[in-house]
PDB file of N, CA and C in Angstrom:
ATOM      1  N   MET A   1     -17.686   3.947   8.159  1.00  0.00           N
ATOM      2  CA  MET A   1     -16.384   3.394   8.462  1.00  0.00           C
ATOM      3  C   MET A   1     -16.130   3.571   9.956  1.00  0.00           C
ATOM      4  N   THR A   2     -15.708   2.524  10.586  1.00  0.00           N
ATOM      5  CA  THR A   2     -15.422   2.600  12.016  1.00  0.00           C
ATOM      6  C   THR A   2     -13.992   3.069  12.241  1.00  0.00           C
ATOM      7  N   ALA A   3     -13.687   3.355  13.490  1.00  0.00           N
ATOM      8  CA  ALA A   3     -12.345   3.824  13.832  1.00  0.00           C
ATOM      9  C   ALA A   3     -11.290   2.756  13.564  1.00  0.00           C
ATOM     10  N   ARG A   4     -11.686   1.497  13.557  1.00  0.00           N
ATOM     11  CA  ARG A   4     -10.727   0.411  13.339  1.00  0.00           C
ATOM     12  C   ARG A   4     -10.375   0.228  11.868  1.00  0.00           C
ATOM     13  N   GLN A   5     -11.231   0.693  10.980  1.00  0.00           N
ATOM     14  CA  GLN A   5     -10.966   0.529   9.559  1.00  0.00           C
ATOM     15  C   GLN A   5     -10.087   1.672   9.068  1.00  0.00           C
ATOM     16  N   ALA A   6      -9.070   1.335   8.329  1.00  0.00           N
ATOM     17  CA  ALA A   6      -8.154   2.347   7.813  1.00  0.00           C
ATOM     18  C   ALA A   6      -8.533   2.699   6.376  1.00  0.00           C
ATOM     19  N   ASP A   7      -8.464   3.967   6.055  1.00  0.00           N
ATOM     20  CA  ASP A   7      -8.720   4.420   4.695  1.00  0.00           C
ATOM     21  C   ASP A   7      -7.453   4.192   3.872  1.00  0.00           C
ATOM     22  N   PRO A   8      -7.515   3.335   2.853  1.00  0.00           N
ATOM     23  CA  PRO A   8      -6.302   3.038   2.091  1.00  0.00           C
ATOM     24  C   PRO A   8      -5.710   4.267   1.403  1.00  0.00           C
ATOM     25  N   PHE A   9      -6.550   5.212   1.003  1.00  0.00           N
ATOM     26  CA  PHE A   9      -6.036   6.412   0.338  1.00  0.00           C
ATOM     27  C   PHE A   9      -5.199   7.252   1.303  1.00  0.00           C
ATOM     28  N   VAL A  10      -5.627   7.325   2.562  1.00  0.00           N
ATOM     29  CA  VAL A  10      -4.872   8.068   3.571  1.00  0.00           C
ATOM     30  C   VAL A  10      -3.574   7.334   3.895  1.00  0.00           C
ATOM     31  N   LEU A  11      -3.645   6.012   4.006  1.00  0.00           N
ATOM     32  CA  LEU A  11      -2.436   5.230   4.296  1.00  0.00           C
ATOM     33  C   LEU A  11      -1.372   5.423   3.224  1.00  0.00           C
ATOM     34  N   VAL A  12      -1.802   5.403   1.972  1.00  0.00           N
ATOM     35  CA  VAL A  12      -0.842   5.568   0.876  1.00  0.00           C
ATOM     36  C   VAL A  12      -0.298   6.995   0.856  1.00  0.00           C
ATOM     37  N   ALA A  13      -1.174   7.969   1.044  1.00  0.00           N
ATOM     38  CA  ALA A  13      -0.746   9.374   0.989  1.00  0.00           C
ATOM     39  C   ALA A  13       0.249   9.718   2.091  1.00  0.00           C
ATOM     40  N   THR A  14       0.135   9.064   3.230  1.00  0.00           N
ATOM     41  CA  THR A  14       1.005   9.379   4.365  1.00  0.00           C
ATOM     42  C   THR A  14       2.174   8.405   4.515  1.00  0.00           C
ATOM     43  N   GLN A  15       2.323   7.495   3.563  1.00  0.00           N
ATOM     44  CA  GLN A  15       3.402   6.505   3.616  1.00  0.00           C
ATOM     45  C   GLN A  15       4.749   7.194   3.387  1.00  0.00           C
ATOM     46  N   PRO A  16       5.687   7.104   4.350  1.00  0.00           N
ATOM     47  CA  PRO A  16       6.977   7.775   4.181  1.00  0.00           C
ATOM     48  C   PRO A  16       7.920   7.085   3.184  1.00  0.00           C
ATOM     49  N   ASP A  17       7.752   5.787   2.972  1.00  0.00           N
ATOM     50  CA  ASP A  17       8.623   5.056   2.052  1.00  0.00           C
ATOM     51  C   ASP A  17       8.138   5.284   0.617  1.00  0.00           C
ATOM     52  N   ALA A  18       8.988   5.852  -0.219  1.00  0.00           N
ATOM     53  CA  ALA A  18       8.605   6.203  -1.591  1.00  0.00           C
ATOM     54  C   ALA A  18       8.224   4.975  -2.419  1.00  0.00           C
ATOM     55  N   GLN A  19       8.935   3.862  -2.239  1.00  0.00           N
ATOM     56  CA  GLN A  19       8.616   2.646  -2.993  1.00  0.00           C
ATOM     57  C   GLN A  19       7.235   2.129  -2.628  1.00  0.00           C
ATOM     58  N   LEU A  20       6.944   2.052  -1.335  1.00  0.00           N
ATOM     59  CA  LEU A  20       5.639   1.561  -0.905  1.00  0.00           C
ATOM     60  C   LEU A  20       4.527   2.510  -1.339  1.00  0.00           C
ATOM     61  N   LYS A  21       4.796   3.797  -1.297  1.00  0.00           N
ATOM     62  CA  LYS A  21       3.800   4.780  -1.726  1.00  0.00           C
ATOM     63  C   LYS A  21       3.486   4.601  -3.212  1.00  0.00           C
ATOM     64  N   ASN A  22       4.508   4.418  -4.024  1.00  0.00           N
ATOM     65  CA  ASN A  22       4.330   4.219  -5.460  1.00  0.00           C
ATOM     66  C   ASN A  22       3.521   2.952  -5.745  1.00  0.00           C
ATOM     67  N   ILE A  23       3.847   1.867  -5.069  1.00  0.00           N
ATOM     68  CA  ILE A  23       3.130   0.604  -5.263  1.00  0.00           C
ATOM     69  C   ILE A  23       1.686   0.747  -4.784  1.00  0.00           C
ATOM     70  N   GLY A  24       1.494   1.396  -3.648  1.00  0.00           N
ATOM     71  CA  GLY A  24       0.146   1.618  -3.136  1.00  0.00           C
ATOM     72  C   GLY A  24      -0.707   2.418  -4.099  1.00  0.00           C
ATOM     73  N   GLU A  25      -0.115   3.424  -4.737  1.00  0.00           N
ATOM     74  CA  GLU A  25      -0.848   4.220  -5.727  1.00  0.00           C
ATOM     75  C   GLU A  25      -1.247   3.367  -6.924  1.00  0.00           C
ATOM     76  N   LYS A  26      -0.353   2.471  -7.358  1.00  0.00           N
ATOM     77  CA  LYS A  26      -0.686   1.558  -8.455  1.00  0.00           C
ATOM     78  C   LYS A  26      -1.894   0.702  -8.080  1.00  0.00           C
ATOM     79  N   ILE A  27      -1.873   0.149  -6.883  1.00  0.00           N
ATOM     80  CA  ILE A  27      -2.955  -0.731  -6.443  1.00  0.00           C
ATOM     81  C   ILE A  27      -4.271   0.031  -6.371  1.00  0.00           C
ATOM     82  N   LEU A  28      -4.248   1.228  -5.801  1.00  0.00           N
ATOM     83  CA  LEU A  28      -5.472   2.017  -5.685  1.00  0.00           C
ATOM     84  C   LEU A  28      -6.002   2.459  -7.045  1.00  0.00           C
ATOM     85  N   ASN A  29      -5.112   2.591  -8.034  1.00  0.00           N
ATOM     86  CA  ASN A  29      -5.520   2.945  -9.398  1.00  0.00           C
ATOM     87  C   ASN A  29      -5.853   1.716 -10.237  1.00  0.00           C
ATOM     88  N   LYS A  30      -5.877   0.552  -9.578  1.00  0.00           N
ATOM     89  CA  LYS A  30      -6.208  -0.730 -10.211  1.00  0.00           C
ATOM     90  C   LYS A  30      -5.259  -1.075 -11.361  1.00  0.00           C
ATOM     91  N   GLU A  31      -3.977  -0.726 -11.169  1.00  0.00           N
ATOM     92  CA  GLU A  31      -2.940  -1.074 -12.133  1.00  0.00           C
ATOM     93  C   GLU A  31      -2.228  -2.335 -11.657  1.00  0.00           C
ATOM     94  N   ARG A  32      -1.684  -3.075 -12.606  1.00  0.00           N
ATOM     95  CA  ARG A  32      -0.904  -4.257 -12.249  1.00  0.00           C
ATOM     96  C   ARG A  32       0.386  -3.849 -11.561  1.00  0.00           C
ATOM     97  N   ILE A  33       0.799  -4.688 -10.622  1.00  0.00           N
ATOM     98  CA  ILE A  33       2.111  -4.485 -10.018  1.00  0.00           C
ATOM     99  C   ILE A  33       3.035  -5.574 -10.549  1.00  0.00           C
ATOM    100  N   SER A  34       4.305  -5.269 -10.593  1.00  0.00           N
ATOM    101  CA  SER A  34       5.290  -6.219 -11.112  1.00  0.00           C
ATOM    102  C   SER A  34       5.678  -7.228 -10.030  1.00  0.00           C
ATOM    103  N   PHE A  35       6.403  -8.241 -10.463  1.00  0.00           N
ATOM    104  CA  PHE A  35       6.930  -9.222  -9.519  1.00  0.00           C
ATOM    105  C   PHE A  35       7.804  -8.525  -8.485  1.00  0.00           C
ATOM    106  N   ASP A  36       8.646  -7.603  -8.951  1.00  0.00           N
ATOM    107  CA  ASP A  36       9.532  -6.872  -8.037  1.00  0.00           C
ATOM    108  C   ASP A  36       8.737  -6.026  -7.043  1.00  0.00           C
ATOM    109  N   ASP A  37       7.616  -5.453  -7.496  1.00  0.00           N
ATOM    110  CA  ASP A  37       6.747  -4.712  -6.578  1.00  0.00           C
ATOM    111  C   ASP A  37       6.216  -5.641  -5.488  1.00  0.00           C
ATOM    112  N   GLY A  38       5.840  -6.843  -5.882  1.00  0.00           N
ATOM    113  CA  GLY A  38       5.347  -7.819  -4.916  1.00  0.00           C
ATOM    114  C   GLY A  38       6.404  -8.206  -3.898  1.00  0.00           C
ATOM    115  N   VAL A  39       7.622  -8.366  -4.366  1.00  0.00           N
ATOM    116  CA  VAL A  39       8.730  -8.687  -3.459  1.00  0.00           C
ATOM    117  C   VAL A  39       8.958  -7.533  -2.486  1.00  0.00           C
ATOM    118  N   THR A  40       8.888  -6.308  -2.987  1.00  0.00           N
ATOM    119  CA  THR A  40       9.052  -5.137  -2.122  1.00  0.00           C
ATOM    120  C   THR A  40       7.964  -5.101  -1.060  1.00  0.00           C
ATOM    121  N   LEU A  41       6.727  -5.381  -1.443  1.00  0.00           N
ATOM    122  CA  LEU A  41       5.637  -5.416  -0.463  1.00  0.00           C
ATOM    123  C   LEU A  41       5.889  -6.485   0.591  1.00  0.00           C
ATOM    124  N   PHE A  42       6.368  -7.649   0.153  1.00  0.00           N
ATOM    125  CA  PHE A  42       6.651  -8.734   1.086  1.00  0.00           C
ATOM    126  C   PHE A  42       7.755  -8.351   2.066  1.00  0.00           C
ATOM    127  N   GLU A  43       8.789  -7.706   1.551  1.00  0.00           N
ATOM    128  CA  GLU A  43       9.942  -7.380   2.389  1.00  0.00           C
ATOM    129  C   GLU A  43       9.722  -6.156   3.270  1.00  0.00           C
ATOM    130  N   LYS A  44       9.011  -5.154   2.771  1.00  0.00           N
ATOM    131  CA  LYS A  44       8.916  -3.882   3.481  1.00  0.00           C
ATOM    132  C   LYS A  44       7.536  -3.575   4.051  1.00  0.00           C
ATOM    133  N   GLY A  45       6.490  -4.120   3.451  1.00  0.00           N
ATOM    134  CA  GLY A  45       5.134  -3.730   3.825  1.00  0.00           C
ATOM    135  C   GLY A  45       4.690  -4.313   5.152  1.00  0.00           C
ATOM    136  N   SER A  46       4.147  -3.457   5.999  1.00  0.00           N
ATOM    137  CA  SER A  46       3.585  -3.937   7.264  1.00  0.00           C
ATOM    138  C   SER A  46       2.163  -4.429   7.012  1.00  0.00           C
ATOM    139  N   LEU A  47       1.688  -5.275   7.875  1.00  0.00           N
ATOM    140  CA  LEU A  47       0.340  -5.810   7.731  1.00  0.00           C
ATOM    141  C   LEU A  47      -0.704  -4.701   7.798  1.00  0.00           C
ATOM    142  N   SER A  48      -0.450  -3.700   8.615  1.00  0.00           N
ATOM    143  CA  SER A  48      -1.407  -2.592   8.730  1.00  0.00           C
ATOM    144  C   SER A  48      -1.441  -1.742   7.462  1.00  0.00           C
ATOM    145  N   PHE A  49      -0.397  -1.775   6.659  1.00  0.00           N
ATOM    146  CA  PHE A  49      -0.390  -1.074   5.374  1.00  0.00           C
ATOM    147  C   PHE A  49      -1.003  -1.950   4.286  1.00  0.00           C
ATOM    148  N   LEU A  50      -0.637  -3.226   4.269  1.00  0.00           N
ATOM    149  CA  LEU A  50      -1.071  -4.126   3.206  1.00  0.00           C
ATOM    150  C   LEU A  50      -2.539  -4.530   3.310  1.00  0.00           C
ATOM    151  N   GLY A  51      -3.024  -4.716   4.525  1.00  0.00           N
ATOM    152  CA  GLY A  51      -4.395  -5.185   4.717  1.00  0.00           C
ATOM    153  C   GLY A  51      -5.445  -4.336   4.027  1.00  0.00           C
ATOM    154  N   PRO A  52      -5.461  -3.037   4.242  1.00  0.00           N
ATOM    155  CA  PRO A  52      -6.479  -2.196   3.604  1.00  0.00           C
ATOM    156  C   PRO A  52      -6.352  -2.101   2.084  1.00  0.00           C
ATOM    157  N   LEU A  53      -5.157  -2.364   1.552  1.00  0.00           N
ATOM    158  CA  LEU A  53      -4.990  -2.296   0.103  1.00  0.00           C
ATOM    159  C   LEU A  53      -5.713  -3.438  -0.567  1.00  0.00           C
TER     160      LEU A  53
END
């Protein structure tokens, strides 16, 4: 892994927003996310958080 690649597990673990952290954990555990989770990602998630997921 190069310095430019972000580890999604570290990104989720260090995410200060509880909603984004919860959704990130679902994604990393290969669980489905709800429509509302998707809306939250769209509204709150930064590209640097969403990309590695």
